[in-house]
Amino acid sequence: MKFLIDQQLPRSLVAFIRSRGHEAAHIKDLGLAEADDRVIWREARRMGAAIISRDGDFSQALIGIGSPQIVWVRLGNCSNVHLMSRFGEVWDRIVEELESGASLLELR
């Protein structure tokens, strides 16, 4: 699977995902740090990637055929250590649900 990591999340998430055998890119590394959500959406579609974001706008966007899958991170203010720990706890379930066709997952 491929993942596009939004700007509010740490670049260390890219390394974590790659260590689990998946492709990942951070929007800052793609020169999209200041990009509008629509641009990020289109880039994810072009890449065939799921978007991982804290931005609730993605969760409310029209999801349909050809739309990227969304992992909406809803952990509130927390340290990157806690964030990465939580991803470690649920990563296999996230991948399983996305592979099963889920269009939106919430990580709490």
PDB file of N, CA and C in Angstrom:
ATOM      1  N   MET A   1       0.836  -1.180   0.000  1.00  0.00           N
ATOM      2  CA  MET A   1       0.000   0.000   0.000  1.00  0.00           C
ATOM      3  C   MET A   1       0.877   1.238   0.000  1.00  0.00           C
ATOM      4  N   LYS A   2       0.267   2.337  -0.434  1.00  0.00           N
ATOM      5  CA  LYS A   2       0.949   3.628  -0.459  1.00  0.00           C
ATOM      6  C   LYS A   2       0.206   4.599   0.451  1.00  0.00           C
ATOM      7  N   PHE A   3       0.981   5.468   1.105  1.00  0.00           N
ATOM      8  CA  PHE A   3       0.418   6.437   2.024  1.00  0.00           C
ATOM      9  C   PHE A   3       1.030   7.803   1.783  1.00  0.00           C
ATOM     10  N   LEU A   4       0.187   8.831   1.879  1.00  0.00           N
ATOM     11  CA  LEU A   4       0.615  10.216   1.800  1.00  0.00           C
ATOM     12  C   LEU A   4       0.337  10.841   3.164  1.00  0.00           C
ATOM     13  N   ILE A   5       1.383  11.320   3.816  1.00  0.00           N
ATOM     14  CA  ILE A   5       1.287  11.845   5.176  1.00  0.00           C
ATOM     15  C   ILE A   5       1.133  13.364   5.117  1.00  0.00           C
ATOM     16  N   ASP A   6       0.105  13.872   5.777  1.00  0.00           N
ATOM     17  CA  ASP A   6      -0.189  15.305   5.776  1.00  0.00           C
ATOM     18  C   ASP A   6       0.776  16.052   6.694  1.00  0.00           C
ATOM     19  N   GLN A   7       0.801  17.370   6.529  1.00  0.00           N
ATOM     20  CA  GLN A   7       1.808  18.210   7.181  1.00  0.00           C
ATOM     21  C   GLN A   7       1.750  18.252   8.696  1.00  0.00           C
ATOM     22  N   GLN A   8       0.611  17.974   9.318  1.00  0.00           N
ATOM     23  CA  GLN A   8       0.521  18.065  10.776  1.00  0.00           C
ATOM     24  C   GLN A   8       1.124  16.844  11.472  1.00  0.00           C
ATOM     25  N   LEU A   9       1.514  15.870  10.703  1.00  0.00           N
ATOM     26  CA  LEU A   9       2.061  14.629  11.268  1.00  0.00           C
ATOM     27  C   LEU A   9       3.567  14.569  11.044  1.00  0.00           C
ATOM     28  N   PRO A  10       4.287  13.904  11.941  1.00  0.00           N
ATOM     29  CA  PRO A  10       5.751  13.899  11.847  1.00  0.00           C
ATOM     30  C   PRO A  10       6.266  13.040  10.692  1.00  0.00           C
ATOM     31  N   ARG A  11       7.417  13.452  10.192  1.00  0.00           N
ATOM     32  CA  ARG A  11       8.074  12.674   9.130  1.00  0.00           C
ATOM     33  C   ARG A  11       8.450  11.276   9.613  1.00  0.00           C
ATOM     34  N   SER A  12       8.600  11.105  10.918  1.00  0.00           N
ATOM     35  CA  SER A  12       8.941   9.776  11.444  1.00  0.00           C
ATOM     36  C   SER A  12       7.866   8.750  11.105  1.00  0.00           C
ATOM     37  N   LEU A  13       6.655   9.203  10.816  1.00  0.00           N
ATOM     38  CA  LEU A  13       5.594   8.278  10.407  1.00  0.00           C
ATOM     39  C   LEU A  13       5.926   7.642   9.059  1.00  0.00           C
ATOM     40  N   VAL A  14       6.608   8.379   8.195  1.00  0.00           N
ATOM     41  CA  VAL A  14       7.035   7.827   6.902  1.00  0.00           C
ATOM     42  C   VAL A  14       7.974   6.647   7.138  1.00  0.00           C
ATOM     43  N   ALA A  15       8.962   6.832   7.993  1.00  0.00           N
ATOM     44  CA  ALA A  15       9.922   5.760   8.286  1.00  0.00           C
ATOM     45  C   ALA A  15       9.218   4.562   8.911  1.00  0.00           C
ATOM     46  N   PHE A  16       8.277   4.821   9.816  1.00  0.00           N
ATOM     47  CA  PHE A  16       7.518   3.746  10.444  1.00  0.00           C
ATOM     48  C   PHE A  16       6.782   2.922   9.392  1.00  0.00           C
ATOM     49  N   ILE A  17       6.077   3.593   8.490  1.00  0.00           N
ATOM     50  CA  ILE A  17       5.295   2.896   7.467  1.00  0.00           C
ATOM     51  C   ILE A  17       6.205   2.115   6.529  1.00  0.00           C
ATOM     52  N   ARG A  18       7.305   2.724   6.126  1.00  0.00           N
ATOM     53  CA  ARG A  18       8.256   2.020   5.246  1.00  0.00           C
ATOM     54  C   ARG A  18       8.834   0.795   5.935  1.00  0.00           C
ATOM     55  N   SER A  19       9.065   0.887   7.237  1.00  0.00           N
ATOM     56  CA  SER A  19       9.615  -0.267   7.970  1.00  0.00           C
ATOM     57  C   SER A  19       8.617  -1.418   8.031  1.00  0.00           C
ATOM     58  N   ARG A  20       7.355  -1.120   7.764  1.00  0.00           N
ATOM     59  CA  ARG A  20       6.310  -2.150   7.743  1.00  0.00           C
ATOM     60  C   ARG A  20       6.060  -2.664   6.332  1.00  0.00           C
ATOM     61  N   GLY A  21       6.908  -2.264   5.378  1.00  0.00           N
ATOM     62  CA  GLY A  21       6.838  -2.800   4.023  1.00  0.00           C
ATOM     63  C   GLY A  21       5.923  -2.060   3.061  1.00  0.00           C
ATOM     64  N   HIS A  22       5.538  -0.840   3.420  1.00  0.00           N
ATOM     65  CA  HIS A  22       4.649  -0.056   2.562  1.00  0.00           C
ATOM     66  C   HIS A  22       5.376   1.188   2.068  1.00  0.00           C
ATOM     67  N   GLU A  23       4.831   1.802   1.035  1.00  0.00           N
ATOM     68  CA  GLU A  23       5.378   3.045   0.515  1.00  0.00           C
ATOM     69  C   GLU A  23       4.745   4.216   1.251  1.00  0.00           C
ATOM     70  N   ALA A  24       5.545   5.263   1.480  1.00  0.00           N
ATOM     71  CA  ALA A  24       5.016   6.444   2.154  1.00  0.00           C
ATOM     72  C   ALA A  24       5.817   7.668   1.751  1.00  0.00           C
ATOM     73  N   ALA A  25       5.120   8.803   1.698  1.00  0.00           N
ATOM     74  CA  ALA A  25       5.765  10.082   1.426  1.00  0.00           C
ATOM     75  C   ALA A  25       5.085  11.136   2.291  1.00  0.00           C
ATOM     76  N   HIS A  26       5.870  12.093   2.734  1.00  0.00           N
ATOM     77  CA  HIS A  26       5.343  13.214   3.510  1.00  0.00           C
ATOM     78  C   HIS A  26       5.153  14.379   2.548  1.00  0.00           C
ATOM     79  N   ILE A  27       4.056  15.115   2.683  1.00  0.00           N
ATOM     80  CA  ILE A  27       3.801  16.193   1.725  1.00  0.00           C
ATOM     81  C   ILE A  27       4.896  17.255   1.737  1.00  0.00           C
ATOM     82  N   LYS A  28       5.570  17.444   2.866  1.00  0.00           N
ATOM     83  CA  LYS A  28       6.674  18.412   2.911  1.00  0.00           C
ATOM     84  C   LYS A  28       7.799  17.980   1.978  1.00  0.00           C
ATOM     85  N   ASP A  29       8.048  16.668   1.901  1.00  0.00           N
ATOM     86  CA  ASP A  29       9.109  16.156   1.044  1.00  0.00           C
ATOM     87  C   ASP A  29       8.732  16.208  -0.430  1.00  0.00           C
ATOM     88  N   LEU A  30       7.453  16.385  -0.706  1.00  0.00           N
ATOM     89  CA  LEU A  30       6.976  16.495  -2.090  1.00  0.00           C
ATOM     90  C   LEU A  30       6.792  17.955  -2.503  1.00  0.00           C
ATOM     91  N   GLY A  31       7.161  18.891  -1.620  1.00  0.00           N
ATOM     92  CA  GLY A  31       7.015  20.310  -1.918  1.00  0.00           C
ATOM     93  C   GLY A  31       5.580  20.797  -1.819  1.00  0.00           C
ATOM     94  N   LEU A  32       4.749  20.089  -1.055  1.00  0.00           N
ATOM     95  CA  LEU A  32       3.333  20.429  -0.951  1.00  0.00           C
ATOM     96  C   LEU A  32       2.933  20.954   0.431  1.00  0.00           C
ATOM     97  N   ALA A  33       3.897  21.412   1.213  1.00  0.00           N
ATOM     98  CA  ALA A  33       3.601  21.844   2.588  1.00  0.00           C
ATOM     99  C   ALA A  33       2.572  22.960   2.642  1.00  0.00           C
ATOM    100  N   GLU A  34       2.553  23.822   1.653  1.00  0.00           N
ATOM    101  CA  GLU A  34       1.616  24.940   1.636  1.00  0.00           C
ATOM    102  C   GLU A  34       0.430  24.680   0.706  1.00  0.00           C
ATOM    103  N   ALA A  35       0.323  23.463   0.213  1.00  0.00           N
ATOM    104  CA  ALA A  35      -0.702  23.144  -0.783  1.00  0.00           C
ATOM    105  C   ALA A  35      -2.101  23.095  -0.174  1.00  0.00           C
ATOM    106  N   ASP A  36      -3.049  23.486  -0.955  1.00  0.00           N
ATOM    107  CA  ASP A  36      -4.470  23.401  -0.633  1.00  0.00           C
ATOM    108  C   ASP A  36      -4.860  21.920  -0.523  1.00  0.00           C
ATOM    109  N   ASP A  37      -5.865  21.631   0.296  1.00  0.00           N
ATOM    110  CA  ASP A  37      -6.326  20.248   0.468  1.00  0.00           C
ATOM    111  C   ASP A  37      -6.672  19.584  -0.851  1.00  0.00           C
ATOM    112  N   ARG A  38      -7.229  20.341  -1.795  1.00  0.00           N
ATOM    113  CA  ARG A  38      -7.596  19.757  -3.099  1.00  0.00           C
ATOM    114  C   ARG A  38      -6.367  19.266  -3.850  1.00  0.00           C
ATOM    115  N   VAL A  39      -5.263  19.986  -3.725  1.00  0.00           N
ATOM    116  CA  VAL A  39      -4.020  19.587  -4.382  1.00  0.00           C
ATOM    117  C   VAL A  39      -3.505  18.295  -3.755  1.00  0.00           C
ATOM    118  N   ILE A  40      -3.555  18.218  -2.437  1.00  0.00           N
ATOM    119  CA  ILE A  40      -3.110  17.005  -1.733  1.00  0.00           C
ATOM    120  C   ILE A  40      -4.006  15.836  -2.122  1.00  0.00           C
ATOM    121  N   TRP A  41      -5.301  16.071  -2.184  1.00  0.00           N
ATOM    122  CA  TRP A  41      -6.271  15.045  -2.588  1.00  0.00           C
ATOM    123  C   TRP A  41      -5.915  14.506  -3.975  1.00  0.00           C
ATOM    124  N   ARG A  42      -5.674  15.428  -4.913  1.00  0.00           N
ATOM    125  CA  ARG A  42      -5.334  15.008  -6.288  1.00  0.00           C
ATOM    126  C   ARG A  42      -4.012  14.249  -6.328  1.00  0.00           C
ATOM    127  N   GLU A  43      -3.043  14.685  -5.530  1.00  0.00           N
ATOM    128  CA  GLU A  43      -1.751  13.989  -5.496  1.00  0.00           C
ATOM    129  C   GLU A  43      -1.915  12.576  -4.956  1.00  0.00           C
ATOM    130  N   ALA A  44      -2.716  12.424  -3.926  1.00  0.00           N
ATOM    131  CA  ALA A  44      -2.968  11.085  -3.379  1.00  0.00           C
ATOM    132  C   ALA A  44      -3.639  10.197  -4.432  1.00  0.00           C
ATOM    133  N   ARG A  45      -4.597  10.742  -5.156  1.00  0.00           N
ATOM    134  CA  ARG A  45      -5.260   9.975  -6.230  1.00  0.00           C
ATOM    135  C   ARG A  45      -4.248   9.586  -7.291  1.00  0.00           C
ATOM    136  N   ARG A  46      -3.401  10.533  -7.694  1.00  0.00           N
ATOM    137  CA  ARG A  46      -2.388  10.259  -8.714  1.00  0.00           C
ATOM    138  C   ARG A  46      -1.447   9.142  -8.273  1.00  0.00           C
ATOM    139  N   MET A  47      -1.061   9.180  -6.994  1.00  0.00           N
ATOM    140  CA  MET A  47      -0.140   8.183  -6.449  1.00  0.00           C
ATOM    141  C   MET A  47      -0.819   6.854  -6.129  1.00  0.00           C
ATOM    142  N   GLY A  48      -2.137   6.871  -6.037  1.00  0.00           N
ATOM    143  CA  GLY A  48      -2.847   5.680  -5.575  1.00  0.00           C
ATOM    144  C   GLY A  48      -2.616   5.453  -4.096  1.00  0.00           C
ATOM    145  N   ALA A  49      -2.536   6.555  -3.340  1.00  0.00           N
ATOM    146  CA  ALA A  49      -2.174   6.498  -1.922  1.00  0.00           C
ATOM    147  C   ALA A  49      -3.348   6.872  -1.029  1.00  0.00           C
ATOM    148  N   ALA A  50      -3.348   6.299   0.169  1.00  0.00           N
ATOM    149  CA  ALA A  50      -4.265   6.720   1.221  1.00  0.00           C
ATOM    150  C   ALA A  50      -3.642   7.936   1.902  1.00  0.00           C
ATOM    151  N   ILE A  51      -4.483   8.862   2.327  1.00  0.00           N
ATOM    152  CA  ILE A  51      -4.025  10.051   3.044  1.00  0.00           C
ATOM    153  C   ILE A  51      -4.131   9.781   4.546  1.00  0.00           C
ATOM    154  N   ILE A  52      -3.066  10.089   5.282  1.00  0.00           N
ATOM    155  CA  ILE A  52      -3.107  10.049   6.740  1.00  0.00           C
ATOM    156  C   ILE A  52      -3.006  11.489   7.206  1.00  0.00           C
ATOM    157  N   SER A  53      -4.032  11.962   7.932  1.00  0.00           N
ATOM    158  CA  SER A  53      -4.109  13.369   8.282  1.00  0.00           C
ATOM    159  C   SER A  53      -4.828  13.587   9.601  1.00  0.00           C
ATOM    160  N   ARG A  54      -4.536  14.714  10.233  1.00  0.00           N
ATOM    161  CA  ARG A  54      -5.292  15.181  11.395  1.00  0.00           C
ATOM    162  C   ARG A  54      -6.417  16.111  10.941  1.00  0.00           C
ATOM    163  N   ASP A  55      -6.413  16.485   9.691  1.00  0.00           N
ATOM    164  CA  ASP A  55      -7.336  17.471   9.136  1.00  0.00           C
ATOM    165  C   ASP A  55      -8.721  16.864   8.919  1.00  0.00           C
ATOM    166  N   GLY A  56      -9.693  17.358   9.662  1.00  0.00           N
ATOM    167  CA  GLY A  56     -11.057  16.869   9.544  1.00  0.00           C
ATOM    168  C   GLY A  56     -11.690  17.158   8.199  1.00  0.00           C
ATOM    169  N   ASP A  57     -11.131  18.126   7.445  1.00  0.00           N
ATOM    170  CA  ASP A  57     -11.686  18.434   6.130  1.00  0.00           C
ATOM    171  C   ASP A  57     -11.632  17.225   5.202  1.00  0.00           C
ATOM    172  N   PHE A  58     -10.574  16.446   5.291  1.00  0.00           N
ATOM    173  CA  PHE A  58     -10.479  15.262   4.439  1.00  0.00           C
ATOM    174  C   PHE A  58     -11.569  14.258   4.776  1.00  0.00           C
ATOM    175  N   SER A  59     -11.908  14.148   6.042  1.00  0.00           N
ATOM    176  CA  SER A  59     -12.929  13.186   6.450  1.00  0.00           C
ATOM    177  C   SER A  59     -14.310  13.587   5.974  1.00  0.00           C
ATOM    178  N   GLN A  60     -14.489  14.871   5.690  1.00  0.00           N
ATOM    179  CA  GLN A  60     -15.793  15.368   5.266  1.00  0.00           C
ATOM    180  C   GLN A  60     -15.892  15.524   3.752  1.00  0.00           C
ATOM    181  N   ALA A  61     -14.804  15.276   3.056  1.00  0.00           N
ATOM    182  CA  ALA A  61     -14.791  15.417   1.601  1.00  0.00           C
ATOM    183  C   ALA A  61     -15.626  14.311   0.968  1.00  0.00           C
ATOM    184  N   LEU A  62     -16.065  14.578  -0.224  1.00  0.00           N
ATOM    185  CA  LEU A  62     -16.841  13.590  -0.964  1.00  0.00           C
ATOM    186  C   LEU A  62     -15.976  12.371  -1.234  1.00  0.00           C
ATOM    187  N   ILE A  63     -16.415  11.241  -0.737  1.00  0.00           N
ATOM    188  CA  ILE A  63     -15.676  10.002  -0.951  1.00  0.00           C
ATOM    189  C   ILE A  63     -16.474   9.159  -1.921  1.00  0.00           C
ATOM    190  N   GLY A  64     -15.836   8.763  -2.983  1.00  0.00           N
ATOM    191  CA  GLY A  64     -16.504   7.961  -3.994  1.00  0.00           C
ATOM    192  C   GLY A  64     -15.482   7.199  -4.816  1.00  0.00           C
ATOM    193  N   ILE A  65     -15.908   6.701  -5.933  1.00  0.00           N
ATOM    194  CA  ILE A  65     -15.020   5.933  -6.802  1.00  0.00           C
ATOM    195  C   ILE A  65     -13.832   6.796  -7.208  1.00  0.00           C
ATOM    196  N   GLY A  66     -12.651   6.269  -7.028  1.00  0.00           N
ATOM    197  CA  GLY A  66     -11.441   6.995  -7.380  1.00  0.00           C
ATOM    198  C   GLY A  66     -10.932   7.924  -6.301  1.00  0.00           C
ATOM    199  N   SER A  67     -11.647   8.057  -5.205  1.00  0.00           N
ATOM    200  CA  SER A  67     -11.206   8.926  -4.114  1.00  0.00           C
ATOM    201  C   SER A  67     -10.164   8.202  -3.271  1.00  0.00           C
ATOM    202  N   PRO A  68      -9.200   8.948  -2.741  1.00  0.00           N
ATOM    203  CA  PRO A  68      -8.237   8.293  -1.855  1.00  0.00           C
ATOM    204  C   PRO A  68      -8.892   7.883  -0.541  1.00  0.00           C
ATOM    205  N   GLN A  69      -8.377   6.833   0.036  1.00  0.00           N
ATOM    206  CA  GLN A  69      -8.826   6.434   1.371  1.00  0.00           C
ATOM    207  C   GLN A  69      -8.203   7.395   2.384  1.00  0.00           C
ATOM    208  N   ILE A  70      -8.886   7.559   3.511  1.00  0.00           N
ATOM    209  CA  ILE A  70      -8.440   8.514   4.524  1.00  0.00           C
ATOM    210  C   ILE A  70      -8.278   7.812   5.866  1.00  0.00           C
ATOM    211  N   VAL A  71      -7.144   8.061   6.520  1.00  0.00           N
ATOM    212  CA  VAL A  71      -6.955   7.690   7.918  1.00  0.00           C
ATOM    213  C   VAL A  71      -6.926   9.012   8.674  1.00  0.00           C
ATOM    214  N   TRP A  72      -7.992   9.251   9.438  1.00  0.00           N
ATOM    215  CA  TRP A  72      -8.161  10.506  10.160  1.00  0.00           C
ATOM    216  C   TRP A  72      -7.640  10.315  11.578  1.00  0.00           C
ATOM    217  N   VAL A  73      -6.554  10.988  11.915  1.00  0.00           N
ATOM    218  CA  VAL A  73      -5.924  10.880  13.226  1.00  0.00           C
ATOM    219  C   VAL A  73      -6.626  11.845  14.169  1.00  0.00           C
ATOM    220  N   ARG A  74      -7.295  11.287  15.180  1.00  0.00           N
ATOM    221  CA  ARG A  74      -8.091  12.094  16.113  1.00  0.00           C
ATOM    222  C   ARG A  74      -7.615  11.891  17.548  1.00  0.00           C
ATOM    223  N   LEU A  75      -6.328  11.952  17.739  1.00  0.00           N
ATOM    224  CA  LEU A  75      -5.754  11.719  19.057  1.00  0.00           C
ATOM    225  C   LEU A  75      -5.644  12.982  19.898  1.00  0.00           C
ATOM    226  N   GLY A  76      -6.014  14.123  19.357  1.00  0.00           N
ATOM    227  CA  GLY A  76      -5.872  15.360  20.111  1.00  0.00           C
ATOM    228  C   GLY A  76      -4.403  15.726  20.253  1.00  0.00           C
ATOM    229  N   ASN A  77      -4.129  16.673  21.134  1.00  0.00           N
ATOM    230  CA  ASN A  77      -2.748  17.068  21.368  1.00  0.00           C
ATOM    231  C   ASN A  77      -2.030  15.955  22.106  1.00  0.00           C
ATOM    232  N   CYS A  78      -0.989  15.445  21.490  1.00  0.00           N
ATOM    233  CA  CYS A  78      -0.191  14.395  22.137  1.00  0.00           C
ATOM    234  C   CYS A  78       1.223  14.479  21.586  1.00  0.00           C
ATOM    235  N   SER A  79       2.125  13.860  22.286  1.00  0.00           N
ATOM    236  CA  SER A  79       3.519  13.854  21.845  1.00  0.00           C
ATOM    237  C   SER A  79       3.666  12.936  20.635  1.00  0.00           C
ATOM    238  N   ASN A  80       4.737  13.161  19.884  1.00  0.00           N
ATOM    239  CA  ASN A  80       5.022  12.268  18.760  1.00  0.00           C
ATOM    240  C   ASN A  80       5.299  10.849  19.247  1.00  0.00           C
ATOM    241  N   VAL A  81       5.861  10.719  20.429  1.00  0.00           N
ATOM    242  CA  VAL A  81       6.114   9.388  20.997  1.00  0.00           C
ATOM    243  C   VAL A  81       4.788   8.658  21.201  1.00  0.00           C
ATOM    244  N   HIS A  82       3.801   9.334  21.787  1.00  0.00           N
ATOM    245  CA  HIS A  82       2.485   8.722  21.983  1.00  0.00           C
ATOM    246  C   HIS A  82       1.833   8.412  20.642  1.00  0.00           C
ATOM    247  N   LEU A  83       1.911   9.345  19.711  1.00  0.00           N
ATOM    248  CA  LEU A  83       1.334   9.147  18.387  1.00  0.00           C
ATOM    249  C   LEU A  83       1.912   7.908  17.709  1.00  0.00           C
ATOM    250  N   MET A  84       3.230   7.796  17.720  1.00  0.00           N
ATOM    251  CA  MET A  84       3.880   6.656  17.069  1.00  0.00           C
ATOM    252  C   MET A  84       3.555   5.355  17.796  1.00  0.00           C
ATOM    253  N   SER A  85       3.465   5.412  19.105  1.00  0.00           N
ATOM    254  CA  SER A  85       3.081   4.230  19.876  1.00  0.00           C
ATOM    255  C   SER A  85       1.691   3.756  19.478  1.00  0.00           C
ATOM    256  N   ARG A  86       0.781   4.704  19.337  1.00  0.00           N
ATOM    257  CA  ARG A  86      -0.600   4.350  18.955  1.00  0.00           C
ATOM    258  C   ARG A  86      -0.641   3.741  17.563  1.00  0.00           C
ATOM    259  N   PHE A  87       0.119   4.297  16.623  1.00  0.00           N
ATOM    260  CA  PHE A  87       0.178   3.699  15.292  1.00  0.00           C
ATOM    261  C   PHE A  87       0.719   2.276  15.369  1.00  0.00           C
ATOM    262  N   GLY A  88       1.730   2.064  16.199  1.00  0.00           N
ATOM    263  CA  GLY A  88       2.283   0.723  16.360  1.00  0.00           C
ATOM    264  C   GLY A  88       1.249  -0.269  16.867  1.00  0.00           C
ATOM    265  N   GLU A  89       0.386   0.179  17.764  1.00  0.00           N
ATOM    266  CA  GLU A  89      -0.647  -0.693  18.340  1.00  0.00           C
ATOM    267  C   GLU A  89      -1.703  -1.110  17.325  1.00  0.00           C
ATOM    268  N   VAL A  90      -2.027  -0.232  16.392  1.00  0.00           N
ATOM    269  CA  VAL A  90      -3.177  -0.485  15.508  1.00  0.00           C
ATOM    270  C   VAL A  90      -2.814  -0.611  14.035  1.00  0.00           C
ATOM    271  N   TRP A  91      -1.535  -0.564  13.693  1.00  0.00           N
ATOM    272  CA  TRP A  91      -1.142  -0.525  12.283  1.00  0.00           C
ATOM    273  C   TRP A  91      -1.699  -1.705  11.476  1.00  0.00           C
ATOM    274  N   ASP A  92      -1.580  -2.904  11.988  1.00  0.00           N
ATOM    275  CA  ASP A  92      -2.058  -4.063  11.228  1.00  0.00           C
ATOM    276  C   ASP A  92      -3.555  -3.959  10.942  1.00  0.00           C
ATOM    277  N   ARG A  93      -4.314  -3.453  11.897  1.00  0.00           N
ATOM    278  CA  ARG A  93      -5.758  -3.287  11.694  1.00  0.00           C
ATOM    279  C   ARG A  93      -6.045  -2.207  10.656  1.00  0.00           C
ATOM    280  N   ILE A  94      -5.284  -1.125  10.677  1.00  0.00           N
ATOM    281  CA  ILE A  94      -5.454  -0.063   9.680  1.00  0.00           C
ATOM    282  C   ILE A  94      -5.252  -0.626   8.287  1.00  0.00           C
ATOM    283  N   VAL A  95      -4.155  -1.334   8.090  1.00  0.00           N
ATOM    284  CA  VAL A  95      -3.856  -1.898   6.772  1.00  0.00           C
ATOM    285  C   VAL A  95      -4.938  -2.885   6.359  1.00  0.00           C
ATOM    286  N   GLU A  96      -5.332  -3.746   7.275  1.00  0.00           N
ATOM    287  CA  GLU A  96      -6.367  -4.743   6.973  1.00  0.00           C
ATOM    288  C   GLU A  96      -7.666  -4.074   6.526  1.00  0.00           C
ATOM    289  N   GLU A  97      -8.085  -3.053   7.235  1.00  0.00           N
ATOM    290  CA  GLU A  97      -9.342  -2.382   6.893  1.00  0.00           C
ATOM    291  C   GLU A  97      -9.241  -1.628   5.572  1.00  0.00           C
ATOM    292  N   LEU A  98      -8.104  -0.991   5.319  1.00  0.00           N
ATOM    293  CA  LEU A  98      -7.929  -0.304   4.046  1.00  0.00           C
ATOM    294  C   LEU A  98      -7.908  -1.306   2.896  1.00  0.00           C
ATOM    295  N   GLU A  99      -7.219  -2.419   3.085  1.00  0.00           N
ATOM    296  CA  GLU A  99      -7.189  -3.450   2.046  1.00  0.00           C
ATOM    297  C   GLU A  99      -8.566  -4.047   1.797  1.00  0.00           C
ATOM    298  N   SER A 100      -9.423  -4.004   2.807  1.00  0.00           N
ATOM    299  CA  SER A 100     -10.792  -4.514   2.665  1.00  0.00           C
ATOM    300  C   SER A 100     -11.713  -3.485   2.013  1.00  0.00           C
ATOM    301  N   GLY A 101     -11.193  -2.286   1.751  1.00  0.00           N
ATOM    302  CA  GLY A 101     -11.972  -1.292   1.036  1.00  0.00           C
ATOM    303  C   GLY A 101     -12.544  -0.161   1.859  1.00  0.00           C
ATOM    304  N   ALA A 102     -12.198  -0.059   3.141  1.00  0.00           N
ATOM    305  CA  ALA A 102     -12.696   1.050   3.962  1.00  0.00           C
ATOM    306  C   ALA A 102     -12.268   2.372   3.338  1.00  0.00           C
ATOM    307  N   SER A 103     -13.184   3.324   3.294  1.00  0.00           N
ATOM    308  CA  SER A 103     -12.847   4.623   2.703  1.00  0.00           C
ATOM    309  C   SER A 103     -12.371   5.624   3.756  1.00  0.00           C
ATOM    310  N   LEU A 104     -12.819   5.438   5.005  1.00  0.00           N
ATOM    311  CA  LEU A 104     -12.451   6.354   6.082  1.00  0.00           C
ATOM    312  C   LEU A 104     -12.253   5.569   7.377  1.00  0.00           C
ATOM    313  N   LEU A 105     -11.096   5.747   7.976  1.00  0.00           N
ATOM    314  CA  LEU A 105     -10.798   5.163   9.289  1.00  0.00           C
ATOM    315  C   LEU A 105     -10.475   6.292  10.246  1.00  0.00           C
ATOM    316  N   GLU A 106     -10.914   6.159  11.484  1.00  0.00           N
ATOM    317  CA  GLU A 106     -10.570   7.129  12.520  1.00  0.00           C
ATOM    318  C   GLU A 106      -9.627   6.484  13.515  1.00  0.00           C
ATOM    319  N   LEU A 107      -8.516   7.127  13.755  1.00  0.00           N
ATOM    320  CA  LEU A 107      -7.562   6.658  14.753  1.00  0.00           C
ATOM    321  C   LEU A 107      -7.739   7.509  15.983  1.00  0.00           C
ATOM    322  N   ARG A 108      -8.226   6.883  17.057  1.00  0.00           N
ATOM    323  CA  ARG A 108      -8.467   7.584  18.325  1.00  0.00           C
ATOM    324  C   ARG A 108      -7.533   7.062  19.380  1.00  0.00           C
TER     325      ARG A 108
END
